[in-house]
Amino acid sequence: MYLERFTLPDAEQEEELIMERICETRDCAGFVDNPYPCRLFPARGLRELYFQNMTILYGGNGSGKSTLLNLIAEKLKLNRIAPFNSGEMVKAYVDACRYEMAFDEEGFRHTVPDGSRIITSDDVFDYMLTVRTNNDEIGECREEARDQWGTLRYGNTVKFRGMEDYDTVRIQLLARSRSVSRKQFIRRVAGEEVKLNSNGETALRYFDERLKSDRLYCLDEPENSLSPKRQQELAAMLEQLARYCGCQFIIATHSPFLLAMNNARIYNLDAAPAQVQSWWELDNTKLYYRFFKQHRELFE
């Protein structure tokens, strides 16, 4: 475990001071139009979080779980792709947050491991879109390569007059090589398409490729696009990485399959005040339970 504790600004003192300073810089007559994220977490009685190798931020829409996850990622300066609301108020709020790293086996405090990052659902969606776009482009190149092969192999020899002819000469030599078949020529010129299945399978492959050992990850609703079966597979992957591969995860989710992961500490942001609870005590999982219990005769 790398991160041990995260402390949010105090409501009565620090948050008010943040807003006062913003007012001074903006000359807004003591009034802030949008105090976000101030006043969000004090209303839930949340000030400090203590972490385990697997920590989950649970809550419905508007509960602040994604905001809290992003505040942690910003404070720890984790790598990220999808941008976060980095307005002046948010930056000042992040500056007022504090954290403590856990101790290693020799009694020294950990630092944030290189390569640690936050992964959002936008990252996964962009990956799926990029893969499909790249495949479309490769498909077009394959058609061109098919047309090129016969011309370059059996047509006139391209003369090298300068560097502008280099690529064409190189491709013609490849086309005329006895050790390279037409199929191999097309693949080497156009590139290899990424095998696409369902969105869920593609999203799961994204996590399988991106999650490495000995790192800290913040995951924002990673269950998006995943079927129940794929969510269970992701849960098993995360459990293995946390138990055997030196990873620490902080996850914002309301998926019952992720909530039920072994040894996860769950902060219920829907509770008043926010508190640590077991997955079977949460409203979301109780709702699933009541639904299937109501229809249990259909399964028996």
C-alpha atoms as a PDB file:
ATOM      1  CA  MET A   1       0.000   0.000   0.000  1.00  0.00           C
ATOM      2  CA  TYR A   2       1.313   3.438  -0.945  1.00  0.00           C
ATOM      3  CA  LEU A   3      -1.275   6.037   0.077  1.00  0.00           C
ATOM      4  CA  GLU A   4      -2.379   5.824   3.719  1.00  0.00           C
ATOM      5  CA  ARG A   5      -4.494   8.914   4.433  1.00  0.00           C
ATOM      6  CA  PHE A   6      -6.126  11.797   2.582  1.00  0.00           C
ATOM      7  CA  THR A   7      -7.454  14.878   4.375  1.00  0.00           C
ATOM      8  CA  LEU A   8      -9.957  17.351   2.939  1.00  0.00           C
ATOM      9  CA  PRO A   9     -10.077  21.042   3.928  1.00  0.00           C
ATOM     10  CA  ASP A  10     -11.958  21.925   7.095  1.00  0.00           C
ATOM     11  CA  ALA A  11     -15.432  23.331   6.368  1.00  0.00           C
ATOM     12  CA  GLU A  12     -15.567  26.199   8.841  1.00  0.00           C
ATOM     13  CA  GLN A  13     -12.025  27.484   8.400  1.00  0.00           C
ATOM     14  CA  GLU A  14     -10.102  26.275   5.354  1.00  0.00           C
ATOM     15  CA  GLU A  15     -12.978  26.173   2.846  1.00  0.00           C
ATOM     16  CA  GLU A  16     -14.149  29.652   3.812  1.00  0.00           C
ATOM     17  CA  LEU A  17     -10.569  30.917   3.572  1.00  0.00           C
ATOM     18  CA  ILE A  18     -10.270  29.423   0.079  1.00  0.00           C
ATOM     19  CA  MET A  19     -13.396  31.248  -1.071  1.00  0.00           C
ATOM     20  CA  GLU A  20     -12.254  34.504   0.529  1.00  0.00           C
ATOM     21  CA  ARG A  21      -8.947  34.335  -1.317  1.00  0.00           C
ATOM     22  CA  ILE A  22     -10.702  33.629  -4.617  1.00  0.00           C
ATOM     23  CA  CYS A  23     -12.964  36.623  -4.010  1.00  0.00           C
ATOM     24  CA  GLU A  24      -9.945  38.833  -3.379  1.00  0.00           C
ATOM     25  CA  THR A  25      -8.253  37.808  -6.625  1.00  0.00           C
ATOM     26  CA  ARG A  26     -11.455  38.181  -8.645  1.00  0.00           C
ATOM     27  CA  ASP A  27     -12.826  41.261  -6.901  1.00  0.00           C
ATOM     28  CA  CYS A  28     -16.236  39.570  -6.670  1.00  0.00           C
ATOM     29  CA  ALA A  29     -17.579  41.456  -3.642  1.00  0.00           C
ATOM     30  CA  GLY A  30     -17.356  38.494  -1.285  1.00  0.00           C
ATOM     31  CA  PHE A  31     -19.564  36.195  -3.382  1.00  0.00           C
ATOM     32  CA  VAL A  32     -18.525  33.113  -5.379  1.00  0.00           C
ATOM     33  CA  ASP A  33     -20.961  32.019  -8.070  1.00  0.00           C
ATOM     34  CA  ASN A  34     -19.867  28.379  -7.967  1.00  0.00           C
ATOM     35  CA  PRO A  35     -18.075  27.276  -4.793  1.00  0.00           C
ATOM     36  CA  TYR A  36     -17.511  23.723  -6.142  1.00  0.00           C
ATOM     37  CA  PRO A  37     -15.975  21.618  -4.645  1.00  0.00           C
ATOM     38  CA  CYS A  38     -16.289  23.603  -1.392  1.00  0.00           C
ATOM     39  CA  ARG A  39     -19.246  22.618   0.832  1.00  0.00           C
ATOM     40  CA  LEU A  40     -19.658  19.292  -0.975  1.00  0.00           C
ATOM     41  CA  PHE A  41     -17.951  16.980   1.504  1.00  0.00           C
ATOM     42  CA  PRO A  42     -18.634  18.747   4.819  1.00  0.00           C
ATOM     43  CA  ALA A  43     -22.324  18.257   4.033  1.00  0.00           C
ATOM     44  CA  ARG A  44     -21.582  14.521   4.064  1.00  0.00           C
ATOM     45  CA  GLY A  45     -19.544  14.698   7.254  1.00  0.00           C
ATOM     46  CA  LEU A  46     -16.414  13.608   5.383  1.00  0.00           C
ATOM     47  CA  ARG A  47     -13.002  14.961   6.322  1.00  0.00           C
ATOM     48  CA  GLU A  48     -10.460  12.113   6.274  1.00  0.00           C
ATOM     49  CA  LEU A  49     -10.107   8.870   4.359  1.00  0.00           C
ATOM     50  CA  TYR A  50      -7.877   5.953   5.307  1.00  0.00           C
ATOM     51  CA  PHE A  51      -6.889   3.544   2.578  1.00  0.00           C
ATOM     52  CA  GLN A  52      -6.210  -0.118   2.047  1.00  0.00           C
ATOM     53  CA  ASN A  53      -4.815  -1.849  -1.047  1.00  0.00           C
ATOM     54  CA  MET A  54      -8.395  -1.771  -2.334  1.00  0.00           C
ATOM     55  CA  THR A  55     -10.494   1.271  -1.422  1.00  0.00           C
ATOM     56  CA  ILE A  56     -13.860   2.032  -2.997  1.00  0.00           C
ATOM     57  CA  LEU A  57     -15.777   5.307  -3.103  1.00  0.00           C
ATOM     58  CA  TYR A  58     -19.450   4.395  -3.414  1.00  0.00           C
ATOM     59  CA  GLY A  59     -22.418   6.661  -4.028  1.00  0.00           C
ATOM     60  CA  GLY A  60     -25.101   7.672  -6.470  1.00  0.00           C
ATOM     61  CA  ASN A  61     -25.012  10.476  -9.001  1.00  0.00           C
ATOM     62  CA  GLY A  62     -24.019  13.729  -7.328  1.00  0.00           C
ATOM     63  CA  SER A  63     -22.563  12.030  -4.266  1.00  0.00           C
ATOM     64  CA  GLY A  64     -19.099  13.403  -5.033  1.00  0.00           C
ATOM     65  CA  LYS A  65     -17.300  10.081  -5.541  1.00  0.00           C
ATOM     66  CA  SER A  66     -15.790  11.058  -8.908  1.00  0.00           C
ATOM     67  CA  THR A  67     -14.904  14.528  -7.611  1.00  0.00           C
ATOM     68  CA  LEU A  68     -13.147  13.004  -4.598  1.00  0.00           C
ATOM     69  CA  LEU A  69     -11.286  10.541  -6.792  1.00  0.00           C
ATOM     70  CA  ASN A  70     -10.099  13.361  -9.032  1.00  0.00           C
ATOM     71  CA  LEU A  71      -9.026  15.484  -6.072  1.00  0.00           C
ATOM     72  CA  ILE A  72      -6.860  12.604  -4.858  1.00  0.00           C
ATOM     73  CA  ALA A  73      -5.385  12.128  -8.339  1.00  0.00           C
ATOM     74  CA  GLU A  74      -4.659  15.844  -8.714  1.00  0.00           C
ATOM     75  CA  LYS A  75      -3.069  16.143  -5.268  1.00  0.00           C
ATOM     76  CA  LEU A  76      -0.828  13.137  -5.904  1.00  0.00           C
ATOM     77  CA  LYS A  77      -0.069  14.449  -9.422  1.00  0.00           C
ATOM     78  CA  LEU A  78      -1.019  11.159 -11.042  1.00  0.00           C
ATOM     79  CA  ASN A  79      -0.665  10.786 -14.805  1.00  0.00           C
ATOM     80  CA  ARG A  80      -3.908  11.318 -16.641  1.00  0.00           C
ATOM     81  CA  ILE A  81      -5.291  11.559 -20.181  1.00  0.00           C
ATOM     82  CA  ALA A  82      -8.848  12.874 -19.818  1.00  0.00           C
ATOM     83  CA  PRO A  83      -8.748  16.426 -18.401  1.00  0.00           C
ATOM     84  CA  PHE A  84     -10.279  17.363 -15.051  1.00  0.00           C
ATOM     85  CA  ASN A  85     -12.023  20.618 -14.137  1.00  0.00           C
ATOM     86  CA  SER A  86      -8.908  22.573 -13.200  1.00  0.00           C
ATOM     87  CA  GLY A  87     -10.494  25.959 -12.556  1.00  0.00           C
ATOM     88  CA  GLU A  88      -9.104  28.369 -10.014  1.00  0.00           C
ATOM     89  CA  MET A  89     -11.414  27.187  -7.216  1.00  0.00           C
ATOM     90  CA  VAL A  90     -10.545  23.526  -7.803  1.00  0.00           C
ATOM     91  CA  LYS A  91      -6.820  24.246  -7.866  1.00  0.00           C
ATOM     92  CA  ALA A  92      -7.007  26.178  -4.604  1.00  0.00           C
ATOM     93  CA  TYR A  93      -9.044  23.366  -3.056  1.00  0.00           C
ATOM     94  CA  VAL A  94      -6.516  20.738  -4.156  1.00  0.00           C
ATOM     95  CA  ASP A  95      -3.708  22.837  -2.675  1.00  0.00           C
ATOM     96  CA  ALA A  96      -5.531  22.808   0.678  1.00  0.00           C
ATOM     97  CA  CYS A  97      -5.885  18.998   0.703  1.00  0.00           C
ATOM     98  CA  ARG A  98      -3.250  16.919   2.496  1.00  0.00           C
ATOM     99  CA  TYR A  99      -2.114  13.313   2.342  1.00  0.00           C
ATOM    100  CA  GLU A 100       0.254  10.875   3.991  1.00  0.00           C
ATOM    101  CA  MET A 101       2.027   7.975   2.331  1.00  0.00           C
ATOM    102  CA  ALA A 102       2.321   4.597   4.066  1.00  0.00           C
ATOM    103  CA  PHE A 103       5.588   3.182   5.372  1.00  0.00           C
ATOM    104  CA  ASP A 104       7.553   0.541   3.471  1.00  0.00           C
ATOM    105  CA  GLU A 105       9.076  -2.592   5.053  1.00  0.00           C
ATOM    106  CA  GLU A 106      12.175  -0.640   6.185  1.00  0.00           C
ATOM    107  CA  GLY A 107      10.217   2.146   7.851  1.00  0.00           C
ATOM    108  CA  PHE A 108      10.563   4.769   5.116  1.00  0.00           C
ATOM    109  CA  ARG A 109       7.548   6.524   3.663  1.00  0.00           C
ATOM    110  CA  HIS A 110       6.593   5.489   0.165  1.00  0.00           C
ATOM    111  CA  THR A 111       6.573   7.939  -2.696  1.00  0.00           C
ATOM    112  CA  VAL A 112       3.982   7.791  -5.462  1.00  0.00           C
ATOM    113  CA  PRO A 113       5.246   5.041  -7.806  1.00  0.00           C
ATOM    114  CA  ASP A 114       6.290   6.047 -11.322  1.00  0.00           C
ATOM    115  CA  GLY A 115       3.597   5.279 -13.869  1.00  0.00           C
ATOM    116  CA  SER A 116       0.725   5.667 -11.388  1.00  0.00           C
ATOM    117  CA  ARG A 117      -2.319   7.181 -13.042  1.00  0.00           C
ATOM    118  CA  ILE A 118      -6.026   7.870 -13.003  1.00  0.00           C
ATOM    119  CA  ILE A 119      -8.169   6.080 -15.586  1.00  0.00           C
ATOM    120  CA  THR A 120     -11.626   7.435 -16.379  1.00  0.00           C
ATOM    121  CA  SER A 121     -14.470   6.030 -18.439  1.00  0.00           C
ATOM    122  CA  ASP A 122     -13.646   8.683 -21.072  1.00  0.00           C
ATOM    123  CA  ASP A 123     -10.179   7.121 -21.454  1.00  0.00           C
ATOM    124  CA  VAL A 124     -11.745   3.733 -22.190  1.00  0.00           C
ATOM    125  CA  PHE A 125     -14.309   5.161 -24.625  1.00  0.00           C
ATOM    126  CA  ASP A 126     -11.584   7.125 -26.450  1.00  0.00           C
ATOM    127  CA  TYR A 127      -9.488   3.955 -26.694  1.00  0.00           C
ATOM    128  CA  MET A 128     -12.357   2.001 -28.265  1.00  0.00           C
ATOM    129  CA  LEU A 129     -13.052   4.839 -30.706  1.00  0.00           C
ATOM    130  CA  THR A 130      -9.354   5.158 -31.590  1.00  0.00           C
ATOM    131  CA  VAL A 131      -9.011   1.426 -32.215  1.00  0.00           C
ATOM    132  CA  ARG A 132     -12.010   1.438 -34.545  1.00  0.00           C
ATOM    133  CA  THR A 133     -10.761   4.550 -36.369  1.00  0.00           C
ATOM    134  CA  ASN A 134      -7.283   3.053 -36.789  1.00  0.00           C
ATOM    135  CA  ASN A 135      -8.790  -0.164 -38.103  1.00  0.00           C
ATOM    136  CA  ASP A 136     -10.794   1.788 -40.677  1.00  0.00           C
ATOM    137  CA  GLU A 137      -7.625   3.586 -41.798  1.00  0.00           C
ATOM    138  CA  ILE A 138      -5.686   0.316 -41.980  1.00  0.00           C
ATOM    139  CA  GLY A 139      -8.521  -1.194 -43.998  1.00  0.00           C
ATOM    140  CA  GLU A 140      -8.166   1.603 -46.561  1.00  0.00           C
ATOM    141  CA  CYS A 141      -4.385   1.111 -46.668  1.00  0.00           C
ATOM    142  CA  ARG A 142      -4.855  -2.615 -47.257  1.00  0.00           C
ATOM    143  CA  GLU A 143      -6.941  -1.889 -50.337  1.00  0.00           C
ATOM    144  CA  GLU A 144      -4.216   0.419 -51.645  1.00  0.00           C
ATOM    145  CA  ALA A 145      -1.521  -2.175 -50.865  1.00  0.00           C
ATOM    146  CA  ARG A 146      -3.429  -4.833 -52.813  1.00  0.00           C
ATOM    147  CA  ASP A 147      -3.499  -2.540 -55.852  1.00  0.00           C
ATOM    148  CA  GLN A 148       0.173  -1.609 -55.401  1.00  0.00           C
ATOM    149  CA  TRP A 149       1.519  -5.140 -55.118  1.00  0.00           C
ATOM    150  CA  GLY A 150       1.024  -6.234 -58.722  1.00  0.00           C
ATOM    151  CA  THR A 151       2.194  -2.927 -60.186  1.00  0.00           C
ATOM    152  CA  LEU A 152       5.321  -2.756 -58.045  1.00  0.00           C
ATOM    153  CA  ARG A 153       6.204  -6.427 -58.448  1.00  0.00           C
ATOM    154  CA  TYR A 154       5.723  -6.754 -62.200  1.00  0.00           C
ATOM    155  CA  GLY A 155       5.762  -3.154 -63.446  1.00  0.00           C
ATOM    156  CA  ASN A 156       8.628  -0.853 -64.327  1.00  0.00           C
ATOM    157  CA  THR A 157      11.445  -0.434 -61.856  1.00  0.00           C
ATOM    158  CA  VAL A 158      11.268   2.764 -59.884  1.00  0.00           C
ATOM    159  CA  LYS A 159      14.454   4.807 -60.273  1.00  0.00           C
ATOM    160  CA  PHE A 160      16.014   6.419 -57.241  1.00  0.00           C
ATOM    161  CA  ARG A 161      16.595  10.104 -58.042  1.00  0.00           C
ATOM    162  CA  GLY A 162      16.495  11.484 -54.518  1.00  0.00           C
ATOM    163  CA  MET A 163      15.104  10.961 -51.033  1.00  0.00           C
ATOM    164  CA  GLU A 164      11.602  11.677 -52.279  1.00  0.00           C
ATOM    165  CA  ASP A 165      11.759   8.298 -54.086  1.00  0.00           C
ATOM    166  CA  TYR A 166      13.044   6.391 -51.060  1.00  0.00           C
ATOM    167  CA  ASP A 167       9.717   5.069 -49.765  1.00  0.00           C
ATOM    168  CA  THR A 168       8.518   3.920 -53.189  1.00  0.00           C
ATOM    169  CA  VAL A 169      11.813   2.144 -53.920  1.00  0.00           C
ATOM    170  CA  ARG A 170      11.748   0.483 -50.489  1.00  0.00           C
ATOM    171  CA  ILE A 171       8.178  -0.761 -50.992  1.00  0.00           C
ATOM    172  CA  GLN A 172       8.984  -2.059 -54.493  1.00  0.00           C
ATOM    173  CA  LEU A 173      11.959  -4.026 -53.146  1.00  0.00           C
ATOM    174  CA  LEU A 174       9.629  -5.512 -50.545  1.00  0.00           C
ATOM    175  CA  ALA A 175       7.055  -6.428 -53.219  1.00  0.00           C
ATOM    176  CA  ARG A 176       9.735  -8.132 -55.357  1.00  0.00           C
ATOM    177  CA  SER A 177      11.295 -10.060 -52.491  1.00  0.00           C
ATOM    178  CA  ARG A 178      10.888 -13.805 -52.995  1.00  0.00           C
ATOM    179  CA  SER A 179      10.604 -14.350 -49.249  1.00  0.00           C
ATOM    180  CA  VAL A 180       7.602 -12.017 -48.908  1.00  0.00           C
ATOM    181  CA  SER A 181       4.207 -13.250 -50.073  1.00  0.00           C
ATOM    182  CA  ARG A 182       1.428 -10.981 -51.284  1.00  0.00           C
ATOM    183  CA  LYS A 183      -0.361 -11.415 -47.964  1.00  0.00           C
ATOM    184  CA  GLN A 184       2.770 -10.559 -45.987  1.00  0.00           C
ATOM    185  CA  PHE A 185       3.413  -7.535 -48.208  1.00  0.00           C
ATOM    186  CA  ILE A 186      -0.073  -6.157 -47.561  1.00  0.00           C
ATOM    187  CA  ARG A 187       0.231  -6.713 -43.811  1.00  0.00           C
ATOM    188  CA  ARG A 188       3.671  -5.086 -43.572  1.00  0.00           C
ATOM    189  CA  VAL A 189       2.698  -2.061 -45.683  1.00  0.00           C
ATOM    190  CA  ALA A 190      -0.778  -1.447 -44.257  1.00  0.00           C
ATOM    191  CA  GLY A 191      -0.266  -2.637 -40.700  1.00  0.00           C
ATOM    192  CA  GLU A 192      -2.166  -5.135 -38.559  1.00  0.00           C
ATOM    193  CA  GLU A 193      -5.726  -4.448 -37.530  1.00  0.00           C
ATOM    194  CA  VAL A 194      -6.590  -4.823 -33.847  1.00  0.00           C
ATOM    195  CA  LYS A 195      -9.060  -7.640 -33.352  1.00  0.00           C
ATOM    196  CA  LEU A 196     -12.376  -6.167 -32.251  1.00  0.00           C
ATOM    197  CA  ASN A 197     -15.115  -8.007 -30.454  1.00  0.00           C
ATOM    198  CA  SER A 198     -17.745  -6.411 -28.243  1.00  0.00           C
ATOM    199  CA  ASN A 199     -17.264  -3.070 -26.522  1.00  0.00           C
ATOM    200  CA  GLY A 200     -17.021  -4.930 -23.224  1.00  0.00           C
ATOM    201  CA  GLU A 201     -14.242  -7.214 -24.434  1.00  0.00           C
ATOM    202  CA  THR A 202     -12.359  -4.257 -25.908  1.00  0.00           C
ATOM    203  CA  ALA A 203     -12.733  -2.301 -22.649  1.00  0.00           C
ATOM    204  CA  LEU A 204     -11.512  -5.266 -20.603  1.00  0.00           C
ATOM    205  CA  ARG A 205      -8.488  -5.597 -22.891  1.00  0.00           C
ATOM    206  CA  TYR A 206      -7.771  -1.914 -22.252  1.00  0.00           C
ATOM    207  CA  PHE A 207      -7.403  -2.575 -18.519  1.00  0.00           C
ATOM    208  CA  ASP A 208      -5.418  -5.750 -19.115  1.00  0.00           C
ATOM    209  CA  GLU A 209      -2.915  -3.817 -21.252  1.00  0.00           C
ATOM    210  CA  ARG A 210      -2.698  -0.653 -19.119  1.00  0.00           C
ATOM    211  CA  LEU A 211      -2.571  -1.935 -15.539  1.00  0.00           C
ATOM    212  CA  LYS A 212       1.010  -2.723 -14.502  1.00  0.00           C
ATOM    213  CA  SER A 213       2.586  -4.018 -11.284  1.00  0.00           C
ATOM    214  CA  ASP A 214       3.741  -1.828  -8.376  1.00  0.00           C
ATOM    215  CA  ARG A 215       1.629   1.231  -9.117  1.00  0.00           C
ATOM    216  CA  LEU A 216      -1.195   3.259  -7.629  1.00  0.00           C
ATOM    217  CA  TYR A 217      -4.351   3.579  -9.717  1.00  0.00           C
ATOM    218  CA  CYS A 218      -7.470   5.696  -9.402  1.00  0.00           C
ATOM    219  CA  LEU A 219     -10.289   4.178 -11.470  1.00  0.00           C
ATOM    220  CA  ASP A 220     -13.445   6.168 -12.171  1.00  0.00           C
ATOM    221  CA  GLU A 221     -16.410   3.843 -12.817  1.00  0.00           C
ATOM    222  CA  PRO A 222     -14.374   1.218 -14.690  1.00  0.00           C
ATOM    223  CA  GLU A 223     -17.492  -0.958 -15.040  1.00  0.00           C
ATOM    224  CA  ASN A 224     -18.893   1.274 -17.800  1.00  0.00           C
ATOM    225  CA  SER A 225     -19.329  -0.718 -21.047  1.00  0.00           C
ATOM    226  CA  LEU A 226     -18.768  -4.000 -19.204  1.00  0.00           C
ATOM    227  CA  SER A 227     -21.415  -6.710 -18.950  1.00  0.00           C
ATOM    228  CA  PRO A 228     -21.901  -8.426 -15.556  1.00  0.00           C
ATOM    229  CA  LYS A 229     -19.630 -11.258 -16.680  1.00  0.00           C
ATOM    230  CA  ARG A 230     -16.890  -8.829 -17.765  1.00  0.00           C
ATOM    231  CA  GLN A 231     -17.280  -6.876 -14.527  1.00  0.00           C
ATOM    232  CA  GLN A 232     -16.578 -10.095 -12.623  1.00  0.00           C
ATOM    233  CA  GLU A 233     -13.506 -10.684 -14.780  1.00  0.00           C
ATOM    234  CA  LEU A 234     -12.303  -7.139 -14.091  1.00  0.00           C
ATOM    235  CA  ALA A 235     -12.885  -7.631 -10.361  1.00  0.00           C
ATOM    236  CA  ALA A 236     -10.773 -10.805 -10.428  1.00  0.00           C
ATOM    237  CA  MET A 237      -8.018  -8.961 -12.346  1.00  0.00           C
ATOM    238  CA  LEU A 238      -7.948  -6.105  -9.822  1.00  0.00           C
ATOM    239  CA  GLU A 239      -7.907  -8.511  -6.867  1.00  0.00           C
ATOM    240  CA  GLN A 240      -4.912 -10.352  -8.315  1.00  0.00           C
ATOM    241  CA  LEU A 241      -3.013  -7.117  -8.989  1.00  0.00           C
ATOM    242  CA  ALA A 242      -3.696  -5.833  -5.477  1.00  0.00           C
ATOM    243  CA  ARG A 243      -2.819  -9.110  -3.743  1.00  0.00           C
ATOM    244  CA  TYR A 244       0.181 -10.328  -5.719  1.00  0.00           C
ATOM    245  CA  CYS A 245       1.504  -7.481  -7.894  1.00  0.00           C
ATOM    246  CA  GLY A 246       1.997  -4.575  -5.502  1.00  0.00           C
ATOM    247  CA  CYS A 247      -0.857  -2.411  -6.791  1.00  0.00           C
ATOM    248  CA  GLN A 248      -3.101  -0.096  -4.815  1.00  0.00           C
ATOM    249  CA  PHE A 249      -6.520   0.831  -6.190  1.00  0.00           C
ATOM    250  CA  ILE A 250      -8.883   3.669  -5.321  1.00  0.00           C
ATOM    251  CA  ILE A 251     -12.101   3.109  -7.249  1.00  0.00           C
ATOM    252  CA  ALA A 252     -15.268   5.148  -7.700  1.00  0.00           C
ATOM    253  CA  THR A 253     -18.046   2.689  -8.520  1.00  0.00           C
ATOM    254  CA  HIS A 254     -21.536   1.431  -7.730  1.00  0.00           C
ATOM    255  CA  SER A 255     -21.084  -1.964  -9.428  1.00  0.00           C
ATOM    256  CA  PRO A 256     -22.021  -4.766  -6.986  1.00  0.00           C
ATOM    257  CA  PHE A 257     -19.367  -7.006  -8.530  1.00  0.00           C
ATOM    258  CA  LEU A 258     -16.594  -4.517  -7.793  1.00  0.00           C
ATOM    259  CA  LEU A 259     -18.049  -3.611  -4.399  1.00  0.00           C
ATOM    260  CA  ALA A 260     -17.845  -7.287  -3.421  1.00  0.00           C
ATOM    261  CA  MET A 261     -14.101  -7.568  -4.064  1.00  0.00           C
ATOM    262  CA  ASN A 262     -12.147  -9.173  -1.244  1.00  0.00           C
ATOM    263  CA  ASN A 263     -10.677  -6.953   1.481  1.00  0.00           C
ATOM    264  CA  ALA A 264     -12.062  -3.734  -0.004  1.00  0.00           C
ATOM    265  CA  ARG A 265     -12.686  -0.742   2.269  1.00  0.00           C
ATOM    266  CA  ILE A 266     -15.872   0.956   1.074  1.00  0.00           C
ATOM    267  CA  TYR A 267     -16.745   4.577   1.820  1.00  0.00           C
ATOM    268  CA  ASN A 268     -20.483   5.095   1.454  1.00  0.00           C
ATOM    269  CA  LEU A 269     -20.890   8.710   0.331  1.00  0.00           C
ATOM    270  CA  ASP A 270     -24.683   8.336   0.269  1.00  0.00           C
ATOM    271  CA  ALA A 271     -24.779   7.868   4.035  1.00  0.00           C
ATOM    272  CA  ALA A 272     -25.237  10.852   6.350  1.00  0.00           C
ATOM    273  CA  PRO A 273     -22.581  11.140   7.549  1.00  0.00           C
ATOM    274  CA  ALA A 274     -20.403   9.246   5.074  1.00  0.00           C
ATOM    275  CA  GLN A 275     -19.084   6.046   6.622  1.00  0.00           C
ATOM    276  CA  VAL A 276     -17.248   2.798   5.966  1.00  0.00           C
ATOM    277  CA  GLN A 277     -19.681  -0.053   5.274  1.00  0.00           C
ATOM    278  CA  SER A 278     -19.714  -3.601   3.936  1.00  0.00           C
ATOM    279  CA  TRP A 279     -20.901  -4.136   0.386  1.00  0.00           C
ATOM    280  CA  TRP A 280     -24.056  -6.017   1.434  1.00  0.00           C
ATOM    281  CA  GLU A 281     -25.148  -3.046   3.578  1.00  0.00           C
ATOM    282  CA  LEU A 282     -25.303  -0.624   0.644  1.00  0.00           C
ATOM    283  CA  ASP A 283     -28.579   0.516  -0.896  1.00  0.00           C
ATOM    284  CA  ASN A 284     -27.497  -0.371  -4.414  1.00  0.00           C
ATOM    285  CA  THR A 285     -26.745  -4.005  -3.612  1.00  0.00           C
ATOM    286  CA  LYS A 286     -29.851  -4.264  -1.428  1.00  0.00           C
ATOM    287  CA  LEU A 287     -31.899  -3.083  -4.408  1.00  0.00           C
ATOM    288  CA  TYR A 288     -30.512  -5.913  -6.553  1.00  0.00           C
ATOM    289  CA  TYR A 289     -31.162  -8.372  -3.734  1.00  0.00           C
ATOM    290  CA  ARG A 290     -34.794  -7.314  -3.304  1.00  0.00           C
ATOM    291  CA  PHE A 291     -35.403  -7.441  -7.048  1.00  0.00           C
ATOM    292  CA  PHE A 292     -34.107 -10.996  -7.468  1.00  0.00           C
ATOM    293  CA  LYS A 293     -35.736 -12.121  -4.240  1.00  0.00           C
ATOM    294  CA  GLN A 294     -39.053 -10.832  -5.554  1.00  0.00           C
ATOM    295  CA  HIS A 295     -38.609 -12.973  -8.692  1.00  0.00           C
ATOM    296  CA  ARG A 296     -36.824 -15.929  -7.099  1.00  0.00           C
ATOM    297  CA  GLU A 297     -39.504 -18.404  -8.264  1.00  0.00           C
ATOM    298  CA  LEU A 298     -38.367 -17.781 -11.860  1.00  0.00           C
ATOM    299  CA  PHE A 299     -34.889 -19.052 -11.008  1.00  0.00           C
ATOM    300  CA  GLU A 300     -35.916 -22.128  -9.019  1.00  0.00           C
END
